[in-house]
Amino acid sequence: MNFATLTAFLVAWLLGSLIVAAFCPPSRRWRDDLGWMLSLGMIVGLGTTSVTFFAVSLLTDRPAWPAGI
C-alpha cells in the first residue's frame, strides 16, 4: 500500500466517523461507544466516498480530479 492509498482510506474513515458523530444522540458516551462508532465510521466513510465518486464519474470523463477535490 502506498501513501496515497493509505491517505484515501484515512480520509474516508475520518469523514465517516464525523458523519456518525454528527448523527449520534448527545446522551451517548464516547468512551463506551468508541469501538462501534469507529467501525461504523469506516463503513459510512467508504460508502460516502464511493457514492461521490460514482456520481462524479457519471458527470465527467475524467472523474479522478473532481472526486479528489
Protein backbone atom coordinates (compact mmCIF):
# COMPACT_ATOMS: atom_id res chain seq x y z
CA MET A 1 0.00 0.00 0.00
CA ASN A 2 1.39 3.37 -0.94
CA PHE A 3 0.99 6.72 0.78
CA ALA A 4 -1.87 7.94 -1.46
CA THR A 5 -3.95 4.81 -0.83
CA LEU A 6 -3.39 4.98 2.91
CA THR A 7 -4.31 8.66 2.93
CA ALA A 8 -7.52 7.97 0.97
CA PHE A 9 -8.58 5.30 3.48
CA LEU A 10 -7.82 7.55 6.44
CA VAL A 11 -9.73 10.49 4.92
CA ALA A 12 -12.73 8.23 4.22
CA TRP A 13 -12.56 6.87 7.77
CA LEU A 14 -12.38 10.37 9.25
CA LEU A 15 -15.27 11.58 7.09
CA GLY A 16 -17.41 8.62 8.09
CA SER A 17 -16.56 8.99 11.76
CA LEU A 18 -17.54 12.66 11.66
CA ILE A 19 -20.84 11.80 9.96
CA VAL A 20 -21.58 9.11 12.57
CA ALA A 21 -20.68 11.50 15.39
CA ALA A 22 -22.94 14.19 13.93
CA PHE A 23 -25.95 11.84 13.92
CA CYS A 24 -25.20 10.27 17.30
CA PRO A 25 -27.50 11.42 20.11
CA PRO A 26 -25.78 13.70 22.63
CA SER A 27 -26.72 11.40 25.51
CA ARG A 28 -24.32 8.67 24.23
CA ARG A 29 -20.94 8.36 25.93
CA TRP A 30 -17.93 8.44 23.61
CA ARG A 31 -15.80 6.13 25.74
CA ASP A 32 -18.40 3.35 25.81
CA ASP A 33 -19.29 3.56 22.12
CA LEU A 34 -15.92 4.30 20.53
CA GLY A 35 -15.48 0.82 19.04
CA TRP A 36 -18.73 0.70 17.13
CA MET A 37 -18.51 4.37 16.16
CA LEU A 38 -15.11 3.86 14.52
CA SER A 39 -16.27 0.67 12.79
CA LEU A 40 -19.44 2.28 11.54
CA GLY A 41 -17.43 5.35 10.58
CA MET A 42 -15.26 3.27 8.24
CA ILE A 43 -18.34 1.76 6.58
CA VAL A 44 -20.12 5.11 6.23
CA GLY A 45 -16.96 6.84 5.01
CA LEU A 46 -16.19 4.27 2.32
CA GLY A 47 -19.84 4.33 1.25
CA THR A 48 -19.94 8.12 1.08
CA THR A 49 -16.73 8.40 -0.93
CA SER A 50 -17.83 5.58 -3.26
CA VAL A 51 -21.18 7.21 -3.97
CA THR A 52 -19.47 10.57 -4.53
CA PHE A 53 -17.00 9.04 -6.99
CA PHE A 54 -19.83 7.24 -8.82
CA ALA A 55 -21.88 10.44 -9.13
CA VAL A 56 -18.88 12.41 -10.39
CA SER A 57 -17.97 9.66 -12.87
CA LEU A 58 -21.41 10.00 -14.44
CA LEU A 59 -20.91 13.73 -14.94
CA THR A 60 -17.34 13.90 -16.31
CA ASP A 61 -14.98 11.90 -18.50
CA ARG A 62 -12.09 12.14 -16.00
CA PRO A 63 -13.65 11.61 -12.54
CA ALA A 64 -10.45 11.30 -10.52
CA TRP A 65 -9.68 15.03 -10.29
CA PRO A 66 -13.16 16.32 -9.33
CA ALA A 67 -13.75 13.43 -6.91
CA GLY A 68 -10.37 14.03 -5.29
CA ILE A 69 -11.18 17.66 -4.71
